[in-house]
């Protein structure tokens, strides 16, 4: 099975939050409401500047993924 790079997630205890799950390294869950990120990988040993730059790009990609998904839902 090929898992998509991004998945949308929701949780009934957090109905106002928008969760995007990034399934590739570094795997993480981001809440687009406040850009809170929880990494699912051990990132010790990585350069902080590299991680910050990569994270910024991934946040933009996650946001773009969400926007595309919402456009598809609205079109239906």
PDB file of N, CA and C in Angstrom:
ATOM      1  N   UNK A   1       0.845  -1.174   0.000  1.00  0.00           N
ATOM      2  CA  UNK A   1       0.000   0.000   0.000  1.00  0.00           C
ATOM      3  C   UNK A   1       0.891   1.238   0.000  1.00  0.00           C
ATOM      4  N   UNK A   2       0.564   2.179  -0.851  1.00  0.00           N
ATOM      5  CA  UNK A   2       1.279   3.461  -0.877  1.00  0.00           C
ATOM      6  C   UNK A   2       0.499   4.450  -0.032  1.00  0.00           C
ATOM      7  N   UNK A   3       1.144   4.930   1.010  1.00  0.00           N
ATOM      8  CA  UNK A   3       0.514   5.898   1.911  1.00  0.00           C
ATOM      9  C   UNK A   3       0.801   7.300   1.387  1.00  0.00           C
ATOM     10  N   UNK A   4      -0.209   8.165   1.308  1.00  0.00           N
ATOM     11  CA  UNK A   4       0.015   9.541   0.854  1.00  0.00           C
ATOM     12  C   UNK A   4       0.967  10.290   1.791  1.00  0.00           C
ATOM     13  N   UNK A   5       1.630  11.286   1.248  1.00  0.00           N
ATOM     14  CA  UNK A   5       2.568  12.096   2.035  1.00  0.00           C
ATOM     15  C   UNK A   5       1.855  12.823   3.168  1.00  0.00           C
ATOM     16  N   UNK A   6       0.641  13.311   2.919  1.00  0.00           N
ATOM     17  CA  UNK A   6      -0.143  14.026   3.923  1.00  0.00           C
ATOM     18  C   UNK A   6      -1.509  13.373   4.075  1.00  0.00           C
ATOM     19  N   UNK A   7      -2.006  13.351   5.297  1.00  0.00           N
ATOM     20  CA  UNK A   7      -3.348  12.879   5.602  1.00  0.00           C
ATOM     21  C   UNK A   7      -4.030  13.915   6.484  1.00  0.00           C
ATOM     22  N   UNK A   8      -5.338  14.060   6.324  1.00  0.00           N
ATOM     23  CA  UNK A   8      -6.101  14.935   7.216  1.00  0.00           C
ATOM     24  C   UNK A   8      -6.611  14.094   8.377  1.00  0.00           C
ATOM     25  N   UNK A   9      -6.652  14.686   9.552  1.00  0.00           N
ATOM     26  CA  UNK A   9      -7.164  13.977  10.708  1.00  0.00           C
ATOM     27  C   UNK A   9      -8.070  14.884  11.522  1.00  0.00           C
ATOM     28  N   UNK A  10      -9.013  14.270  12.215  1.00  0.00           N
ATOM     29  CA  UNK A  10      -9.847  15.050  13.116  1.00  0.00           C
ATOM     30  C   UNK A  10     -10.038  14.246  14.398  1.00  0.00           C
ATOM     31  N   UNK A  11     -10.563  14.909  15.387  1.00  0.00           N
ATOM     32  CA  UNK A  11     -10.755  14.279  16.685  1.00  0.00           C
ATOM     33  C   UNK A  11     -11.964  14.923  17.332  1.00  0.00           C
ATOM     34  N   UNK A  12     -12.883  14.104  17.797  1.00  0.00           N
ATOM     35  CA  UNK A  12     -14.126  14.640  18.344  1.00  0.00           C
ATOM     36  C   UNK A  12     -13.906  15.494  19.592  1.00  0.00           C
ATOM     37  N   UNK A  13     -12.810  15.283  20.311  1.00  0.00           N
ATOM     38  CA  UNK A  13     -12.529  16.107  21.488  1.00  0.00           C
ATOM     39  C   UNK A  13     -11.914  17.457  21.124  1.00  0.00           C
ATOM     40  N   UNK A  14     -11.539  17.623  19.859  1.00  0.00           N
ATOM     41  CA  UNK A  14     -10.934  18.868  19.380  1.00  0.00           C
ATOM     42  C   UNK A  14     -11.601  19.287  18.064  1.00  0.00           C
ATOM     43  N   UNK A  15     -12.891  19.594  18.102  1.00  0.00           N
ATOM     44  CA  UNK A  15     -13.628  19.825  16.847  1.00  0.00           C
ATOM     45  C   UNK A  15     -13.190  21.063  16.074  1.00  0.00           C
ATOM     46  N   UNK A  16     -12.533  22.017  16.708  1.00  0.00           N
ATOM     47  CA  UNK A  16     -12.120  23.233  16.013  1.00  0.00           C
ATOM     48  C   UNK A  16     -10.708  23.147  15.447  1.00  0.00           C
ATOM     49  N   UNK A  17      -9.983  22.072  15.768  1.00  0.00           N
ATOM     50  CA  UNK A  17      -8.606  21.922  15.312  1.00  0.00           C
ATOM     51  C   UNK A  17      -8.563  21.272  13.938  1.00  0.00           C
ATOM     52  N   UNK A  18      -7.494  21.553  13.199  1.00  0.00           N
ATOM     53  CA  UNK A  18      -7.278  20.975  11.876  1.00  0.00           C
ATOM     54  C   UNK A  18      -5.928  20.264  11.915  1.00  0.00           C
ATOM     55  N   UNK A  19      -5.961  18.941  11.936  1.00  0.00           N
ATOM     56  CA  UNK A  19      -4.740  18.151  12.028  1.00  0.00           C
ATOM     57  C   UNK A  19      -4.347  17.623  10.656  1.00  0.00           C
ATOM     58  N   UNK A  20      -3.070  17.778  10.326  1.00  0.00           N
ATOM     59  CA  UNK A  20      -2.490  17.202   9.122  1.00  0.00           C
ATOM     60  C   UNK A  20      -1.354  16.293   9.581  1.00  0.00           C
ATOM     61  N   UNK A  21      -1.351  15.067   9.074  1.00  0.00           N
ATOM     62  CA  UNK A  21      -0.317  14.102   9.425  1.00  0.00           C
ATOM     63  C   UNK A  21       0.635  13.974   8.245  1.00  0.00           C
ATOM     64  N   UNK A  22       1.921  14.198   8.511  1.00  0.00           N
ATOM     65  CA  UNK A  22       2.960  14.034   7.498  1.00  0.00           C
ATOM     66  C   UNK A  22       3.548  12.641   7.701  1.00  0.00           C
ATOM     67  N   UNK A  23       3.474  11.782   6.675  1.00  0.00           N
ATOM     68  CA  UNK A  23       3.814  10.372   6.830  1.00  0.00           C
ATOM     69  C   UNK A  23       5.241  10.017   6.427  1.00  0.00           C
ATOM     70  N   UNK A  24       5.975  10.975   5.884  1.00  0.00           N
ATOM     71  CA  UNK A  24       7.357  10.723   5.486  1.00  0.00           C
ATOM     72  C   UNK A  24       8.304  11.349   6.503  1.00  0.00           C
ATOM     73  N   UNK A  25       9.581  10.942   6.439  1.00  0.00           N
ATOM     74  CA  UNK A  25      10.556  11.485   7.388  1.00  0.00           C
ATOM     75  C   UNK A  25      10.760  12.968   7.154  1.00  0.00           C
ATOM     76  N   UNK A  26      10.749  13.769   8.174  1.00  0.00           N
ATOM     77  CA  UNK A  26      10.425  13.468   9.562  1.00  0.00           C
ATOM     78  C   UNK A  26       8.910  13.471   9.767  1.00  0.00           C
ATOM     79  N   UNK A  27       8.385  12.351  10.248  1.00  0.00           N
ATOM     80  CA  UNK A  27       6.948  12.225  10.447  1.00  0.00           C
ATOM     81  C   UNK A  27       6.494  13.154  11.576  1.00  0.00           C
ATOM     82  N   UNK A  28       5.334  13.791  11.371  1.00  0.00           N
ATOM     83  CA  UNK A  28       4.811  14.694  12.390  1.00  0.00           C
ATOM     84  C   UNK A  28       3.326  14.900  12.202  1.00  0.00           C
ATOM     85  N   UNK A  29       2.715  15.469  13.220  1.00  0.00           N
ATOM     86  CA  UNK A  29       1.324  15.911  13.160  1.00  0.00           C
ATOM     87  C   UNK A  29       1.345  17.404  13.441  1.00  0.00           C
ATOM     88  N   UNK A  30       0.663  18.168  12.603  1.00  0.00           N
ATOM     89  CA  UNK A  30       0.584  19.611  12.798  1.00  0.00           C
ATOM     90  C   UNK A  30      -0.879  20.008  12.953  1.00  0.00           C
ATOM     91  N   UNK A  31      -1.102  20.913  13.862  1.00  0.00           N
ATOM     92  CA  UNK A  31      -2.410  21.523  14.016  1.00  0.00           C
ATOM     93  C   UNK A  31      -2.346  22.857  13.276  1.00  0.00           C
ATOM     94  N   UNK A  32      -3.046  22.966  12.171  1.00  0.00           N
ATOM     95  CA  UNK A  32      -2.969  24.180  11.354  1.00  0.00           C
ATOM     96  C   UNK A  32      -3.595  25.391  12.019  1.00  0.00           C
ATOM     97  N   UNK A  33      -4.381  25.182  13.046  1.00  0.00           N
ATOM     98  CA  UNK A  33      -4.981  26.315  13.750  1.00  0.00           C
ATOM     99  C   UNK A  33      -3.915  27.160  14.439  1.00  0.00           C
ATOM    100  N   UNK A  34      -2.923  26.485  15.056  1.00  0.00           N
ATOM    101  CA  UNK A  34      -1.888  27.228  15.786  1.00  0.00           C
ATOM    102  C   UNK A  34      -0.461  26.836  15.385  1.00  0.00           C
ATOM    103  N   UNK A  35      -0.313  26.046  14.319  1.00  0.00           N
ATOM    104  CA  UNK A  35       0.984  25.560  13.828  1.00  0.00           C
ATOM    105  C   UNK A  35       1.770  24.784  14.885  1.00  0.00           C
ATOM    106  N   UNK A  36       1.069  24.192  15.848  1.00  0.00           N
ATOM    107  CA  UNK A  36       1.710  23.343  16.845  1.00  0.00           C
ATOM    108  C   UNK A  36       2.089  22.026  16.168  1.00  0.00           C
ATOM    109  N   UNK A  37       3.354  21.621  16.306  1.00  0.00           N
ATOM    110  CA  UNK A  37       3.858  20.413  15.654  1.00  0.00           C
ATOM    111  C   UNK A  37       4.323  19.417  16.700  1.00  0.00           C
ATOM    112  N   UNK A  38       3.941  18.171  16.479  1.00  0.00           N
ATOM    113  CA  UNK A  38       4.426  17.065  17.303  1.00  0.00           C
ATOM    114  C   UNK A  38       5.157  16.108  16.367  1.00  0.00           C
ATOM    115  N   UNK A  39       6.491  16.028  16.519  1.00  0.00           N
ATOM    116  CA  UNK A  39       7.276  15.123  15.694  1.00  0.00           C
ATOM    117  C   UNK A  39       7.149  13.709  16.233  1.00  0.00           C
ATOM    118  N   UNK A  40       7.071  12.749  15.331  1.00  0.00           N
ATOM    119  CA  UNK A  40       6.944  11.348  15.696  1.00  0.00           C
ATOM    120  C   UNK A  40       8.276  10.616  15.556  1.00  0.00           C
ATOM    121  N   UNK A  41       9.326  11.352  15.283  1.00  0.00           N
ATOM    122  CA  UNK A  41      10.673  10.811  15.100  1.00  0.00           C
ATOM    123  C   UNK A  41      11.589  11.362  16.184  1.00  0.00           C
ATOM    124  N   UNK A  42      12.651  10.649  16.440  1.00  0.00           N
ATOM    125  CA  UNK A  42      13.707  11.148  17.314  1.00  0.00           C
ATOM    126  C   UNK A  42      14.614  12.018  16.459  1.00  0.00           C
ATOM    127  N   UNK A  43      14.601  13.313  16.707  1.00  0.00           N
ATOM    128  CA  UNK A  43      15.344  14.253  15.864  1.00  0.00           C
ATOM    129  C   UNK A  43      16.661  14.702  16.502  1.00  0.00           C
ATOM    130  N   UNK A  44      17.053  14.058  17.568  1.00  0.00           N
ATOM    131  CA  UNK A  44      18.321  14.407  18.190  1.00  0.00           C
ATOM    132  C   UNK A  44      19.455  14.174  17.200  1.00  0.00           C
ATOM    133  N   UNK A  45      20.405  15.074  17.212  1.00  0.00           N
ATOM    134  CA  UNK A  45      21.540  14.947  16.324  1.00  0.00           C
ATOM    135  C   UNK A  45      21.390  15.710  15.023  1.00  0.00           C
ATOM    136  N   UNK A  46      20.205  16.182  14.730  1.00  0.00           N
ATOM    137  CA  UNK A  46      20.012  16.985  13.520  1.00  0.00           C
ATOM    138  C   UNK A  46      20.379  18.428  13.802  1.00  0.00           C
ATOM    139  N   UNK A  47      20.890  19.082  12.804  1.00  0.00           N
ATOM    140  CA  UNK A  47      21.219  20.497  12.929  1.00  0.00           C
ATOM    141  C   UNK A  47      19.936  21.297  13.081  1.00  0.00           C
ATOM    142  N   UNK A  48      19.912  22.170  14.077  1.00  0.00           N
ATOM    143  CA  UNK A  48      18.705  22.946  14.361  1.00  0.00           C
ATOM    144  C   UNK A  48      18.302  23.837  13.189  1.00  0.00           C
ATOM    145  N   UNK A  49      19.276  24.449  12.507  1.00  0.00           N
ATOM    146  CA  UNK A  49      18.970  25.312  11.362  1.00  0.00           C
ATOM    147  C   UNK A  49      18.364  24.509  10.215  1.00  0.00           C
ATOM    148  N   UNK A  50      18.913  23.314   9.961  1.00  0.00           N
ATOM    149  CA  UNK A  50      18.377  22.461   8.899  1.00  0.00           C
ATOM    150  C   UNK A  50      16.951  22.047   9.216  1.00  0.00           C
ATOM    151  N   UNK A  51      16.715  21.671  10.463  1.00  0.00           N
ATOM    152  CA  UNK A  51      15.378  21.245  10.880  1.00  0.00           C
ATOM    153  C   UNK A  51      14.380  22.393  10.766  1.00  0.00           C
ATOM    154  N   UNK A  52      14.787  23.587  11.166  1.00  0.00           N
ATOM    155  CA  UNK A  52      13.897  24.751  11.096  1.00  0.00           C
ATOM    156  C   UNK A  52      13.528  25.054   9.647  1.00  0.00           C
ATOM    157  N   UNK A  53      14.503  25.001   8.753  1.00  0.00           N
ATOM    158  CA  UNK A  53      14.232  25.270   7.340  1.00  0.00           C
ATOM    159  C   UNK A  53      13.329  24.220   6.731  1.00  0.00           C
ATOM    160  N   UNK A  54      13.616  22.951   7.005  1.00  0.00           N
ATOM    161  CA  UNK A  54      12.792  21.859   6.489  1.00  0.00           C
ATOM    162  C   UNK A  54      11.382  21.927   7.051  1.00  0.00           C
ATOM    163  N   UNK A  55      11.268  22.248   8.337  1.00  0.00           N
ATOM    164  CA  UNK A  55       9.962  22.343   8.978  1.00  0.00           C
ATOM    165  C   UNK A  55       9.128  23.449   8.349  1.00  0.00           C
ATOM    166  N   UNK A  56       9.738  24.588   8.073  1.00  0.00           N
ATOM    167  CA  UNK A  56       9.011  25.697   7.450  1.00  0.00           C
ATOM    168  C   UNK A  56       8.444  25.283   6.093  1.00  0.00           C
ATOM    169  N   UNK A  57       9.237  24.564   5.314  1.00  0.00           N
ATOM    170  CA  UNK A  57       8.782  24.093   4.002  1.00  0.00           C
ATOM    171  C   UNK A  57       7.629  23.106   4.162  1.00  0.00           C
ATOM    172  N   UNK A  58       7.762  22.184   5.127  1.00  0.00           N
ATOM    173  CA  UNK A  58       6.727  21.180   5.338  1.00  0.00           C
ATOM    174  C   UNK A  58       5.426  21.802   5.841  1.00  0.00           C
ATOM    175  N   UNK A  59       5.509  22.848   6.649  1.00  0.00           N
ATOM    176  CA  UNK A  59       4.310  23.549   7.109  1.00  0.00           C
ATOM    177  C   UNK A  59       3.583  24.165   5.911  1.00  0.00           C
ATOM    178  N   UNK A  60       4.347  24.776   5.006  1.00  0.00           N
ATOM    179  CA  UNK A  60       3.742  25.348   3.797  1.00  0.00           C
ATOM    180  C   UNK A  60       3.081  24.259   2.953  1.00  0.00           C
ATOM    181  N   UNK A  61       3.763  23.112   2.804  1.00  0.00           N
ATOM    182  CA  UNK A  61       3.204  22.012   2.023  1.00  0.00           C
ATOM    183  C   UNK A  61       1.940  21.460   2.686  1.00  0.00           C
ATOM    184  N   UNK A  62       1.948  21.338   4.009  1.00  0.00           N
ATOM    185  CA  UNK A  62       0.773  20.846   4.738  1.00  0.00           C
ATOM    186  C   UNK A  62      -0.405  21.799   4.560  1.00  0.00           C
ATOM    187  N   UNK A  63      -0.126  23.089   4.626  1.00  0.00           N
ATOM    188  CA  UNK A  63      -1.182  24.087   4.435  1.00  0.00           C
ATOM    189  C   UNK A  63      -1.739  24.038   3.014  1.00  0.00           C
ATOM    190  N   UNK A  64      -0.859  23.897   2.034  1.00  0.00           N
ATOM    191  CA  UNK A  64      -1.296  23.803   0.641  1.00  0.00           C
ATOM    192  C   UNK A  64      -2.124  22.532   0.427  1.00  0.00           C
ATOM    193  N   UNK A  65      -1.699  21.416   1.031  1.00  0.00           N
ATOM    194  CA  UNK A  65      -2.464  20.170   0.952  1.00  0.00           C
ATOM    195  C   UNK A  65      -3.865  20.382   1.509  1.00  0.00           C
ATOM    196  N   UNK A  66      -3.974  21.005   2.658  1.00  0.00           N
ATOM    197  CA  UNK A  66      -5.277  21.255   3.271  1.00  0.00           C
ATOM    198  C   UNK A  66      -6.151  22.120   2.359  1.00  0.00           C
ATOM    199  N   UNK A  67      -5.579  23.196   1.839  1.00  0.00           N
ATOM    200  CA  UNK A  67      -6.336  24.081   0.949  1.00  0.00           C
ATOM    201  C   UNK A  67      -6.855  23.326  -0.278  1.00  0.00           C
ATOM    202  N   UNK A  68      -6.022  22.465  -0.870  1.00  0.00           N
ATOM    203  CA  UNK A  68      -6.435  21.681  -2.032  1.00  0.00           C
ATOM    204  C   UNK A  68      -7.577  20.728  -1.672  1.00  0.00           C
ATOM    205  N   UNK A  69      -7.473  20.086  -0.517  1.00  0.00           N
ATOM    206  CA  UNK A  69      -8.516  19.158  -0.095  1.00  0.00           C
ATOM    207  C   UNK A  69      -9.842  19.875   0.135  1.00  0.00           C
ATOM    208  N   UNK A  70      -9.785  21.027   0.751  1.00  0.00           N
ATOM    209  CA  UNK A  70     -11.004  21.792   1.013  1.00  0.00           C
ATOM    210  C   UNK A  70     -11.640  22.248  -0.296  1.00  0.00           C
ATOM    211  N   UNK A  71     -10.827  22.656  -1.274  1.00  0.00           N
ATOM    212  CA  UNK A  71     -11.368  23.039  -2.583  1.00  0.00           C
ATOM    213  C   UNK A  71     -12.107  21.873  -3.221  1.00  0.00           C
ATOM    214  N   UNK A  72     -11.554  20.654  -3.100  1.00  0.00           N
ATOM    215  CA  UNK A  72     -12.207  19.479  -3.670  1.00  0.00           C
ATOM    216  C   UNK A  72     -13.537  19.196  -2.960  1.00  0.00           C
ATOM    217  N   UNK A  73     -13.565  19.325  -1.623  1.00  0.00           N
ATOM    218  CA  UNK A  73     -14.814  19.123  -0.888  1.00  0.00           C
ATOM    219  C   UNK A  73     -15.853  20.149  -1.286  1.00  0.00           C
ATOM    220  N   UNK A  74     -15.426  21.404  -1.435  1.00  0.00           N
ATOM    221  CA  UNK A  74     -16.354  22.480  -1.800  1.00  0.00           C
ATOM    222  C   UNK A  74     -16.895  22.291  -3.204  1.00  0.00           C
ATOM    223  N   UNK A  75     -16.104  21.686  -4.083  1.00  0.00           N
ATOM    224  CA  UNK A  75     -16.528  21.484  -5.466  1.00  0.00           C
ATOM    225  C   UNK A  75     -17.580  20.392  -5.594  1.00  0.00           C
ATOM    226  N   UNK A  76     -17.658  19.510  -4.614  1.00  0.00           N
ATOM    227  CA  UNK A  76     -18.609  18.383  -4.696  1.00  0.00           C
ATOM    228  C   UNK A  76     -20.012  18.802  -4.399  1.00  0.00           C
TER     229      UNK A  76
END
